[in-house]
Amino acid sequence: MPVTLCVLLWETEGNGDLLAAYEDAVLALVPEHGGEVHERMRRTSLPGEPRGGDPLEVQVIGLPDDDALAAYLADPRRTALADTRDRAIARTQIVRVDRVVPD
């Protein structure tokens, strides 16, 4: 059964660029596991505007099934970047979602 994830990512203080670089690297692996990055968006704010508790990046990712998701998460090229991830990402929230199609 296809898996669709909404991924929300919060950066560690001052590491938005590092988070983006990490995500560039690991999301490039998704197609190799049969998946697709449907959407990838970043928070916008004006200089000096408070950002509150909003995530820096939101992604919608689709994979063919739970086995493909497990293979992506265990991909050695991805796990090799764990130190970078730990420095860049303060919090991750992953929500399984289904597309809502209007009647």
PDB file of N, CA and C in Angstrom:
ATOM      1  N   MET A   1       0.841  -1.173   0.000  1.00  0.00           N
ATOM      2  CA  MET A   1       0.000   0.000   0.000  1.00  0.00           C
ATOM      3  C   MET A   1       0.890   1.241   0.000  1.00  0.00           C
ATOM      4  N   PRO A   2       0.617   2.206  -0.878  1.00  0.00           N
ATOM      5  CA  PRO A   2       1.426   3.431  -0.928  1.00  0.00           C
ATOM      6  C   PRO A   2       1.435   4.175   0.407  1.00  0.00           C
ATOM      7  N   VAL A   3       2.563   4.813   0.671  1.00  0.00           N
ATOM      8  CA  VAL A   3       2.762   5.588   1.895  1.00  0.00           C
ATOM      9  C   VAL A   3       3.009   7.035   1.486  1.00  0.00           C
ATOM     10  N   THR A   4       2.233   7.951   2.064  1.00  0.00           N
ATOM     11  CA  THR A   4       2.465   9.376   1.844  1.00  0.00           C
ATOM     12  C   THR A   4       2.725  10.012   3.200  1.00  0.00           C
ATOM     13  N   LEU A   5       3.817  10.760   3.273  1.00  0.00           N
ATOM     14  CA  LEU A   5       4.237  11.380   4.528  1.00  0.00           C
ATOM     15  C   LEU A   5       4.281  12.889   4.388  1.00  0.00           C
ATOM     16  N   CYS A   6       3.827  13.573   5.416  1.00  0.00           N
ATOM     17  CA  CYS A   6       4.046  15.009   5.549  1.00  0.00           C
ATOM     18  C   CYS A   6       5.121  15.144   6.626  1.00  0.00           C
ATOM     19  N   VAL A   7       6.256  15.713   6.239  1.00  0.00           N
ATOM     20  CA  VAL A   7       7.410  15.823   7.136  1.00  0.00           C
ATOM     21  C   VAL A   7       7.623  17.291   7.477  1.00  0.00           C
ATOM     22  N   LEU A   8       7.652  17.602   8.767  1.00  0.00           N
ATOM     23  CA  LEU A   8       7.893  18.958   9.245  1.00  0.00           C
ATOM     24  C   LEU A   8       9.235  18.975   9.961  1.00  0.00           C
ATOM     25  N   LEU A   9      10.072  19.950   9.625  1.00  0.00           N
ATOM     26  CA  LEU A   9      11.438  20.016  10.152  1.00  0.00           C
ATOM     27  C   LEU A   9      11.732  21.390  10.744  1.00  0.00           C
ATOM     28  N   TRP A  10      12.236  21.381  11.964  1.00  0.00           N
ATOM     29  CA  TRP A  10      12.665  22.606  12.641  1.00  0.00           C
ATOM     30  C   TRP A  10      14.181  22.607  12.708  1.00  0.00           C
ATOM     31  N   GLU A  11      14.802  23.726  12.379  1.00  0.00           N
ATOM     32  CA  GLU A  11      16.257  23.829  12.382  1.00  0.00           C
ATOM     33  C   GLU A  11      16.791  24.131  13.783  1.00  0.00           C
ATOM     34  N   THR A  12      18.019  23.711  14.029  1.00  0.00           N
ATOM     35  CA  THR A  12      18.695  24.161  15.232  1.00  0.00           C
ATOM     36  C   THR A  12      19.091  25.618  14.998  1.00  0.00           C
ATOM     37  N   GLU A  13      19.297  26.341  16.064  1.00  0.00           N
ATOM     38  CA  GLU A  13      19.586  27.777  15.979  1.00  0.00           C
ATOM     39  C   GLU A  13      20.713  28.074  14.993  1.00  0.00           C
ATOM     40  N   GLY A  14      20.410  28.887  13.992  1.00  0.00           N
ATOM     41  CA  GLY A  14      21.401  29.339  13.030  1.00  0.00           C
ATOM     42  C   GLY A  14      21.801  28.316  11.978  1.00  0.00           C
ATOM     43  N   ASN A  15      21.089  27.185  11.897  1.00  0.00           N
ATOM     44  CA  ASN A  15      21.501  26.127  10.978  1.00  0.00           C
ATOM     45  C   ASN A  15      20.481  25.830   9.872  1.00  0.00           C
ATOM     46  N   GLY A  16      19.765  26.832   9.447  1.00  0.00           N
ATOM     47  CA  GLY A  16      18.811  26.644   8.356  1.00  0.00           C
ATOM     48  C   GLY A  16      19.472  26.194   7.067  1.00  0.00           C
ATOM     49  N   ASP A  17      20.620  26.768   6.750  1.00  0.00           N
ATOM     50  CA  ASP A  17      21.329  26.376   5.527  1.00  0.00           C
ATOM     51  C   ASP A  17      21.844  24.941   5.623  1.00  0.00           C
ATOM     52  N   LEU A  18      22.290  24.535   6.792  1.00  0.00           N
ATOM     53  CA  LEU A  18      22.763  23.167   6.983  1.00  0.00           C
ATOM     54  C   LEU A  18      21.597  22.189   6.857  1.00  0.00           C
ATOM     55  N   LEU A  19      20.450  22.541   7.421  1.00  0.00           N
ATOM     56  CA  LEU A  19      19.260  21.700   7.277  1.00  0.00           C
ATOM     57  C   LEU A  19      18.921  21.533   5.799  1.00  0.00           C
ATOM     58  N   ALA A  20      18.914  22.627   5.053  1.00  0.00           N
ATOM     59  CA  ALA A  20      18.583  22.569   3.623  1.00  0.00           C
ATOM     60  C   ALA A  20      19.571  21.687   2.861  1.00  0.00           C
ATOM     61  N   ALA A  21      20.854  21.807   3.162  1.00  0.00           N
ATOM     62  CA  ALA A  21      21.868  20.996   2.482  1.00  0.00           C
ATOM     63  C   ALA A  21      21.696  19.517   2.819  1.00  0.00           C
ATOM     64  N   TYR A  22      21.414  19.225   4.072  1.00  0.00           N
ATOM     65  CA  TYR A  22      21.176  17.840   4.478  1.00  0.00           C
ATOM     66  C   TYR A  22      19.972  17.279   3.733  1.00  0.00           C
ATOM     67  N   GLU A  23      18.898  18.027   3.710  1.00  0.00           N
ATOM     68  CA  GLU A  23      17.686  17.563   3.033  1.00  0.00           C
ATOM     69  C   GLU A  23      17.906  17.418   1.533  1.00  0.00           C
ATOM     70  N   ASP A  24      18.674  18.322   0.916  1.00  0.00           N
ATOM     71  CA  ASP A  24      19.020  18.170  -0.506  1.00  0.00           C
ATOM     72  C   ASP A  24      19.646  16.788  -0.735  1.00  0.00           C
ATOM     73  N   ALA A  25      20.564  16.404   0.140  1.00  0.00           N
ATOM     74  CA  ALA A  25      21.298  15.144  -0.017  1.00  0.00           C
ATOM     75  C   ALA A  25      20.398  13.932   0.191  1.00  0.00           C
ATOM     76  N   VAL A  26      19.631  13.931   1.267  1.00  0.00           N
ATOM     77  CA  VAL A  26      18.851  12.726   1.560  1.00  0.00           C
ATOM     78  C   VAL A  26      17.604  12.594   0.690  1.00  0.00           C
ATOM     79  N   LEU A  27      16.994  13.709   0.314  1.00  0.00           N
ATOM     80  CA  LEU A  27      15.820  13.614  -0.552  1.00  0.00           C
ATOM     81  C   LEU A  27      16.188  13.155  -1.952  1.00  0.00           C
ATOM     82  N   ALA A  28      17.433  13.366  -2.352  1.00  0.00           N
ATOM     83  CA  ALA A  28      17.890  12.868  -3.655  1.00  0.00           C
ATOM     84  C   ALA A  28      17.871  11.345  -3.706  1.00  0.00           C
ATOM     85  N   LEU A  29      17.833  10.683  -2.551  1.00  0.00           N
ATOM     86  CA  LEU A  29      17.802   9.223  -2.484  1.00  0.00           C
ATOM     87  C   LEU A  29      16.397   8.653  -2.628  1.00  0.00           C
ATOM     88  N   VAL A  30      15.382   9.461  -2.399  1.00  0.00           N
ATOM     89  CA  VAL A  30      13.996   8.974  -2.412  1.00  0.00           C
ATOM     90  C   VAL A  30      13.638   8.258  -3.719  1.00  0.00           C
ATOM     91  N   PRO A  31      13.930   8.826  -4.901  1.00  0.00           N
ATOM     92  CA  PRO A  31      13.570   8.128  -6.142  1.00  0.00           C
ATOM     93  C   PRO A  31      14.229   6.755  -6.285  1.00  0.00           C
ATOM     94  N   GLU A  32      15.402   6.572  -5.701  1.00  0.00           N
ATOM     95  CA  GLU A  32      16.078   5.276  -5.774  1.00  0.00           C
ATOM     96  C   GLU A  32      15.343   4.196  -4.988  1.00  0.00           C
ATOM     97  N   HIS A  33      14.419   4.616  -4.138  1.00  0.00           N
ATOM     98  CA  HIS A  33      13.598   3.678  -3.368  1.00  0.00           C
ATOM     99  C   HIS A  33      12.166   3.650  -3.899  1.00  0.00           C
ATOM    100  N   GLY A  34      11.999   4.130  -5.133  1.00  0.00           N
ATOM    101  CA  GLY A  34      10.697   4.092  -5.785  1.00  0.00           C
ATOM    102  C   GLY A  34       9.771   5.211  -5.391  1.00  0.00           C
ATOM    103  N   GLY A  35      10.294   6.198  -4.660  1.00  0.00           N
ATOM    104  CA  GLY A  35       9.460   7.267  -4.148  1.00  0.00           C
ATOM    105  C   GLY A  35       9.575   8.557  -4.931  1.00  0.00           C
ATOM    106  N   GLU A  36       8.834   9.537  -4.465  1.00  0.00           N
ATOM    107  CA  GLU A  36       8.817  10.855  -5.092  1.00  0.00           C
ATOM    108  C   GLU A  36       8.623  11.923  -4.020  1.00  0.00           C
ATOM    109  N   VAL A  37       9.359  13.004  -4.163  1.00  0.00           N
ATOM    110  CA  VAL A  37       9.136  14.167  -3.306  1.00  0.00           C
ATOM    111  C   VAL A  37       8.085  15.006  -4.034  1.00  0.00           C
ATOM    112  N   HIS A  38       6.864  14.992  -3.513  1.00  0.00           N
ATOM    113  CA  HIS A  38       5.758  15.696  -4.161  1.00  0.00           C
ATOM    114  C   HIS A  38       5.860  17.207  -3.966  1.00  0.00           C
ATOM    115  N   GLU A  39       6.197  17.605  -2.747  1.00  0.00           N
ATOM    116  CA  GLU A  39       6.310  19.031  -2.408  1.00  0.00           C
ATOM    117  C   GLU A  39       7.432  19.207  -1.403  1.00  0.00           C
ATOM    118  N   ARG A  40       8.095  20.339  -1.525  1.00  0.00           N
ATOM    119  CA  ARG A  40       9.113  20.737  -0.548  1.00  0.00           C
ATOM    120  C   ARG A  40       9.029  22.246  -0.433  1.00  0.00           C
ATOM    121  N   MET A  41       8.666  22.717   0.764  1.00  0.00           N
ATOM    122  CA  MET A  41       8.462  24.148   0.960  1.00  0.00           C
ATOM    123  C   MET A  41       9.204  24.616   2.200  1.00  0.00           C
ATOM    124  N   ARG A  42       9.611  25.901   2.170  1.00  0.00           N
ATOM    125  CA  ARG A  42      10.287  26.499   3.323  1.00  0.00           C
ATOM    126  C   ARG A  42       9.478  27.675   3.842  1.00  0.00           C
ATOM    127  N   ARG A  43       9.596  27.853   5.142  1.00  0.00           N
ATOM    128  CA  ARG A  43       8.949  28.969   5.827  1.00  0.00           C
ATOM    129  C   ARG A  43       9.489  30.277   5.261  1.00  0.00           C
ATOM    130  N   THR A  44       8.616  31.229   5.114  1.00  0.00           N
ATOM    131  CA  THR A  44       9.049  32.570   4.724  1.00  0.00           C
ATOM    132  C   THR A  44       8.800  33.510   5.886  1.00  0.00           C
ATOM    133  N   SER A  45       9.663  34.468   6.015  1.00  0.00           N
ATOM    134  CA  SER A  45       9.453  35.516   7.011  1.00  0.00           C
ATOM    135  C   SER A  45      10.289  36.715   6.601  1.00  0.00           C
ATOM    136  N   LEU A  46       9.792  37.844   6.951  1.00  0.00           N
ATOM    137  CA  LEU A  46      10.513  39.078   6.686  1.00  0.00           C
ATOM    138  C   LEU A  46      11.591  39.259   7.743  1.00  0.00           C
ATOM    139  N   PRO A  47      12.681  39.957   7.415  1.00  0.00           N
ATOM    140  CA  PRO A  47      13.718  40.196   8.421  1.00  0.00           C
ATOM    141  C   PRO A  47      13.122  40.819   9.678  1.00  0.00           C
ATOM    142  N   GLY A  48      13.448  40.249  10.806  1.00  0.00           N
ATOM    143  CA  GLY A  48      12.961  40.762  12.085  1.00  0.00           C
ATOM    144  C   GLY A  48      11.580  40.254  12.467  1.00  0.00           C
ATOM    145  N   GLU A  49      10.899  39.581  11.553  1.00  0.00           N
ATOM    146  CA  GLU A  49       9.564  39.054  11.844  1.00  0.00           C
ATOM    147  C   GLU A  49       9.696  37.823  12.732  1.00  0.00           C
ATOM    148  N   PRO A  50       8.925  37.762  13.811  1.00  0.00           N
ATOM    149  CA  PRO A  50       9.022  36.572  14.659  1.00  0.00           C
ATOM    150  C   PRO A  50       8.539  35.344  13.901  1.00  0.00           C
ATOM    151  N   ARG A  51       9.220  34.225  14.080  1.00  0.00           N
ATOM    152  CA  ARG A  51       8.836  33.025  13.354  1.00  0.00           C
ATOM    153  C   ARG A  51       8.022  32.069  14.204  1.00  0.00           C
ATOM    154  N   GLY A  52       7.874  32.393  15.468  1.00  0.00           N
ATOM    155  CA  GLY A  52       7.079  31.534  16.331  1.00  0.00           C
ATOM    156  C   GLY A  52       7.653  30.133  16.395  1.00  0.00           C
ATOM    157  N   GLY A  53       6.789  29.162  16.471  1.00  0.00           N
ATOM    158  CA  GLY A  53       7.234  27.776  16.554  1.00  0.00           C
ATOM    159  C   GLY A  53       7.085  27.040  15.241  1.00  0.00           C
ATOM    160  N   ASP A  54       7.055  27.782  14.150  1.00  0.00           N
ATOM    161  CA  ASP A  54       6.831  27.163  12.853  1.00  0.00           C
ATOM    162  C   ASP A  54       8.044  26.372  12.374  1.00  0.00           C
ATOM    163  N   PRO A  55       7.792  25.264  11.655  1.00  0.00           N
ATOM    164  CA  PRO A  55       8.906  24.527  11.079  1.00  0.00           C
ATOM    165  C   PRO A  55       9.557  25.329   9.958  1.00  0.00           C
ATOM    166  N   LEU A  56      10.833  25.077   9.715  1.00  0.00           N
ATOM    167  CA  LEU A  56      11.528  25.715   8.606  1.00  0.00           C
ATOM    168  C   LEU A  56      11.115  25.091   7.283  1.00  0.00           C
ATOM    169  N   GLU A  57      10.939  23.774   7.281  1.00  0.00           N
ATOM    170  CA  GLU A  57      10.662  23.091   6.025  1.00  0.00           C
ATOM    171  C   GLU A  57       9.522  22.092   6.206  1.00  0.00           C
ATOM    172  N   VAL A  58       8.693  21.991   5.161  1.00  0.00           N
ATOM    173  CA  VAL A  58       7.603  21.025   5.112  1.00  0.00           C
ATOM    174  C   VAL A  58       7.732  20.269   3.799  1.00  0.00           C
ATOM    175  N   GLN A  59       7.630  18.951   3.881  1.00  0.00           N
ATOM    176  CA  GLN A  59       7.762  18.101   2.696  1.00  0.00           C
ATOM    177  C   GLN A  59       6.585  17.143   2.628  1.00  0.00           C
ATOM    178  N   VAL A  60       6.192  16.804   1.415  1.00  0.00           N
ATOM    179  CA  VAL A  60       5.245  15.714   1.189  1.00  0.00           C
ATOM    180  C   VAL A  60       5.976  14.708   0.306  1.00  0.00           C
ATOM    181  N   ILE A  61       6.122  13.504   0.839  1.00  0.00           N
ATOM    182  CA  ILE A  61       6.908  12.456   0.188  1.00  0.00           C
ATOM    183  C   ILE A  61       6.034  11.224   0.006  1.00  0.00           C
ATOM    184  N   GLY A  62       6.096  10.618  -1.175  1.00  0.00           N
ATOM    185  CA  GLY A  62       5.377   9.380  -1.425  1.00  0.00           C
ATOM    186  C   GLY A  62       6.340   8.248  -1.681  1.00  0.00           C
ATOM    187  N   LEU A  63       6.030   7.087  -1.128  1.00  0.00           N
ATOM    188  CA  LEU A  63       6.817   5.869  -1.355  1.00  0.00           C
ATOM    189  C   LEU A  63       5.841   4.731  -1.650  1.00  0.00           C
ATOM    190  N   PRO A  64       6.300   3.706  -2.366  1.00  0.00           N
ATOM    191  CA  PRO A  64       5.386   2.648  -2.777  1.00  0.00           C
ATOM    192  C   PRO A  64       4.759   1.858  -1.627  1.00  0.00           C
ATOM    193  N   ASP A  65       5.512   1.669  -0.539  1.00  0.00           N
ATOM    194  CA  ASP A  65       4.998   0.868   0.571  1.00  0.00           C
ATOM    195  C   ASP A  65       5.925   1.028   1.780  1.00  0.00           C
ATOM    196  N   ASP A  66       5.560   0.345   2.866  1.00  0.00           N
ATOM    197  CA  ASP A  66       6.356   0.440   4.097  1.00  0.00           C
ATOM    198  C   ASP A  66       7.758  -0.138   3.922  1.00  0.00           C
ATOM    199  N   ASP A  67       7.907  -1.151   3.077  1.00  0.00           N
ATOM    200  CA  ASP A  67       9.237  -1.717   2.839  1.00  0.00           C
ATOM    201  C   ASP A  67      10.153  -0.692   2.168  1.00  0.00           C
ATOM    202  N   ALA A  68       9.613   0.057   1.212  1.00  0.00           N
ATOM    203  CA  ALA A  68      10.403   1.100   0.546  1.00  0.00           C
ATOM    204  C   ALA A  68      10.780   2.195   1.536  1.00  0.00           C
ATOM    205  N   LEU A  69       9.850   2.558   2.419  1.00  0.00           N
ATOM    206  CA  LEU A  69      10.146   3.554   3.452  1.00  0.00           C
ATOM    207  C   LEU A  69      11.257   3.051   4.369  1.00  0.00           C
ATOM    208  N   ALA A  70      11.163   1.803   4.809  1.00  0.00           N
ATOM    209  CA  ALA A  70      12.191   1.241   5.692  1.00  0.00           C
ATOM    210  C   ALA A  70      13.548   1.208   4.992  1.00  0.00           C
ATOM    211  N   ALA A  71      13.560   0.864   3.705  1.00  0.00           N
ATOM    212  CA  ALA A  71      14.821   0.825   2.955  1.00  0.00           C
ATOM    213  C   ALA A  71      15.421   2.222   2.820  1.00  0.00           C
ATOM    214  N   TYR A  72      14.577   3.216   2.580  1.00  0.00           N
ATOM    215  CA  TYR A  72      15.058   4.601   2.497  1.00  0.00           C
ATOM    216  C   TYR A  72      15.649   5.041   3.835  1.00  0.00           C
ATOM    217  N   LEU A  73      14.925   4.783   4.918  1.00  0.00           N
ATOM    218  CA  LEU A  73      15.401   5.202   6.233  1.00  0.00           C
ATOM    219  C   LEU A  73      16.703   4.506   6.616  1.00  0.00           C
ATOM    220  N   ALA A  74      16.905   3.278   6.151  1.00  0.00           N
ATOM    221  CA  ALA A  74      18.109   2.517   6.483  1.00  0.00           C
ATOM    222  C   ALA A  74      19.226   2.661   5.444  1.00  0.00           C
ATOM    223  N   ASP A  75      18.983   3.428   4.393  1.00  0.00           N
ATOM    224  CA  ASP A  75      19.986   3.588   3.333  1.00  0.00           C
ATOM    225  C   ASP A  75      21.298   4.063   3.966  1.00  0.00           C
ATOM    226  N   PRO A  76      22.396   3.343   3.733  1.00  0.00           N
ATOM    227  CA  PRO A  76      23.662   3.718   4.373  1.00  0.00           C
ATOM    228  C   PRO A  76      24.165   5.106   4.007  1.00  0.00           C
ATOM    229  N   ARG A  77      23.803   5.594   2.822  1.00  0.00           N
ATOM    230  CA  ARG A  77      24.209   6.958   2.448  1.00  0.00           C
ATOM    231  C   ARG A  77      23.463   7.974   3.305  1.00  0.00           C
ATOM    232  N   ARG A  78      22.230   7.654   3.679  1.00  0.00           N
ATOM    233  CA  ARG A  78      21.447   8.523   4.546  1.00  0.00           C
ATOM    234  C   ARG A  78      21.942   8.439   5.983  1.00  0.00           C
ATOM    235  N   THR A  79      22.133   7.227   6.481  1.00  0.00           N
ATOM    236  CA  THR A  79      22.557   7.078   7.876  1.00  0.00           C
ATOM    237  C   THR A  79      23.970   7.619   8.111  1.00  0.00           C
ATOM    238  N   ALA A  80      24.790   7.642   7.050  1.00  0.00           N
ATOM    239  CA  ALA A  80      26.141   8.202   7.173  1.00  0.00           C
ATOM    240  C   ALA A  80      26.113   9.699   7.472  1.00  0.00           C
ATOM    241  N   LEU A  81      24.979  10.338   7.213  1.00  0.00           N
ATOM    242  CA  LEU A  81      24.844  11.783   7.438  1.00  0.00           C
ATOM    243  C   LEU A  81      24.173  12.101   8.780  1.00  0.00           C
ATOM    244  N   ALA A  82      24.081  11.114   9.661  1.00  0.00           N
ATOM    245  CA  ALA A  82      23.390  11.305  10.943  1.00  0.00           C
ATOM    246  C   ALA A  82      23.986  12.447  11.761  1.00  0.00           C
ATOM    247  N   ASP A  83      25.302  12.611  11.748  1.00  0.00           N
ATOM    248  CA  ASP A  83      25.927  13.692  12.511  1.00  0.00           C
ATOM    249  C   ASP A  83      25.482  15.064  11.982  1.00  0.00           C
ATOM    250  N   THR A  84      25.437  15.194  10.670  1.00  0.00           N
ATOM    251  CA  THR A  84      24.971  16.450  10.064  1.00  0.00           C
ATOM    252  C   THR A  84      23.522  16.695  10.440  1.00  0.00           C
ATOM    253  N   ARG A  85      22.725  15.640  10.361  1.00  0.00           N
ATOM    254  CA  ARG A  85      21.311  15.770  10.727  1.00  0.00           C
ATOM    255  C   ARG A  85      21.171  16.247  12.170  1.00  0.00           C
ATOM    256  N   ASP A  86      21.922  15.650  13.070  1.00  0.00           N
ATOM    257  CA  ASP A  86      21.840  16.018  14.488  1.00  0.00           C
ATOM    258  C   ASP A  86      22.236  17.469  14.725  1.00  0.00           C
ATOM    259  N   ARG A  87      23.197  17.981  13.949  1.00  0.00           N
ATOM    260  CA  ARG A  87      23.605  19.380  14.101  1.00  0.00           C
ATOM    261  C   ARG A  87      22.595  20.334  13.499  1.00  0.00           C
ATOM    262  N   ALA A  88      21.880  19.907  12.460  1.00  0.00           N
ATOM    263  CA  ALA A  88      21.018  20.804  11.692  1.00  0.00           C
ATOM    264  C   ALA A  88      19.565  20.819  12.152  1.00  0.00           C
ATOM    265  N   ILE A  89      19.073  19.691  12.641  1.00  0.00           N
ATOM    266  CA  ILE A  89      17.633  19.539  12.864  1.00  0.00           C
ATOM    267  C   ILE A  89      17.338  19.407  14.350  1.00  0.00           C
ATOM    268  N   ALA A  90      16.539  20.350  14.844  1.00  0.00           N
ATOM    269  CA  ALA A  90      16.157  20.342  16.246  1.00  0.00           C
ATOM    270  C   ALA A  90      14.976  19.415  16.497  1.00  0.00           C
ATOM    271  N   ARG A  91      14.078  19.339  15.519  1.00  0.00           N
ATOM    272  CA  ARG A  91      12.848  18.566  15.709  1.00  0.00           C
ATOM    273  C   ARG A  91      12.323  18.121  14.360  1.00  0.00           C
ATOM    274  N   THR A  92      11.764  16.909  14.335  1.00  0.00           N
ATOM    275  CA  THR A  92      11.110  16.384  13.151  1.00  0.00           C
ATOM    276  C   THR A  92       9.752  15.841  13.561  1.00  0.00           C
ATOM    277  N   GLN A  93       8.747  16.133  12.771  1.00  0.00           N
ATOM    278  CA  GLN A  93       7.430  15.529  12.970  1.00  0.00           C
ATOM    279  C   GLN A  93       7.022  14.903  11.644  1.00  0.00           C
ATOM    280  N   ILE A  94       6.657  13.630  11.676  1.00  0.00           N
ATOM    281  CA  ILE A  94       6.247  12.920  10.468  1.00  0.00           C
ATOM    282  C   ILE A  94       4.809  12.459  10.654  1.00  0.00           C
ATOM    283  N   VAL A  95       3.967  12.820   9.681  1.00  0.00           N
ATOM    284  CA  VAL A  95       2.554  12.479   9.736  1.00  0.00           C
ATOM    285  C   VAL A  95       2.205  11.708   8.471  1.00  0.00           C
ATOM    286  N   ARG A  96       1.629  10.523   8.629  1.00  0.00           N
ATOM    287  CA  ARG A  96       1.118   9.792   7.465  1.00  0.00           C
ATOM    288  C   ARG A  96      -0.173  10.470   7.040  1.00  0.00           C
ATOM    289  N   VAL A  97      -0.282  10.728   5.747  1.00  0.00           N
ATOM    290  CA  VAL A  97      -1.443  11.461   5.229  1.00  0.00           C
ATOM    291  C   VAL A  97      -1.984  10.767   3.979  1.00  0.00           C
ATOM    292  N   ASP A  98      -3.216  11.114   3.633  1.00  0.00           N
ATOM    293  CA  ASP A  98      -3.840  10.710   2.374  1.00  0.00           C
ATOM    294  C   ASP A  98      -4.295  11.970   1.676  1.00  0.00           C
ATOM    295  N   ARG A  99      -4.184  11.957   0.343  1.00  0.00           N
ATOM    296  CA  ARG A  99      -4.647  13.096  -0.438  1.00  0.00           C
ATOM    297  C   ARG A  99      -6.164  13.174  -0.357  1.00  0.00           C
ATOM    298  N   VAL A 100      -6.675  14.378  -0.176  1.00  0.00           N
ATOM    299  CA  VAL A 100      -8.116  14.616  -0.149  1.00  0.00           C
ATOM    300  C   VAL A 100      -8.530  15.108  -1.532  1.00  0.00           C
ATOM    301  N   VAL A 101      -9.404  14.371  -2.145  1.00  0.00           N
ATOM    302  CA  VAL A 101      -9.875  14.745  -3.478  1.00  0.00           C
ATOM    303  C   VAL A 101     -11.296  15.295  -3.334  1.00  0.00           C
ATOM    304  N   PRO A 102     -11.511  16.524  -3.792  1.00  0.00           N
ATOM    305  CA  PRO A 102     -12.851  17.103  -3.678  1.00  0.00           C
ATOM    306  C   PRO A 102     -13.890  16.271  -4.434  1.00  0.00           C
ATOM    307  N   ASP A 103     -15.105  16.268  -3.904  1.00  0.00           N
ATOM    308  CA  ASP A 103     -16.215  15.540  -4.579  1.00  0.00           C
ATOM    309  C   ASP A 103     -16.571  16.181  -5.891  1.00  0.00           C
TER     310      ASP A 103
END
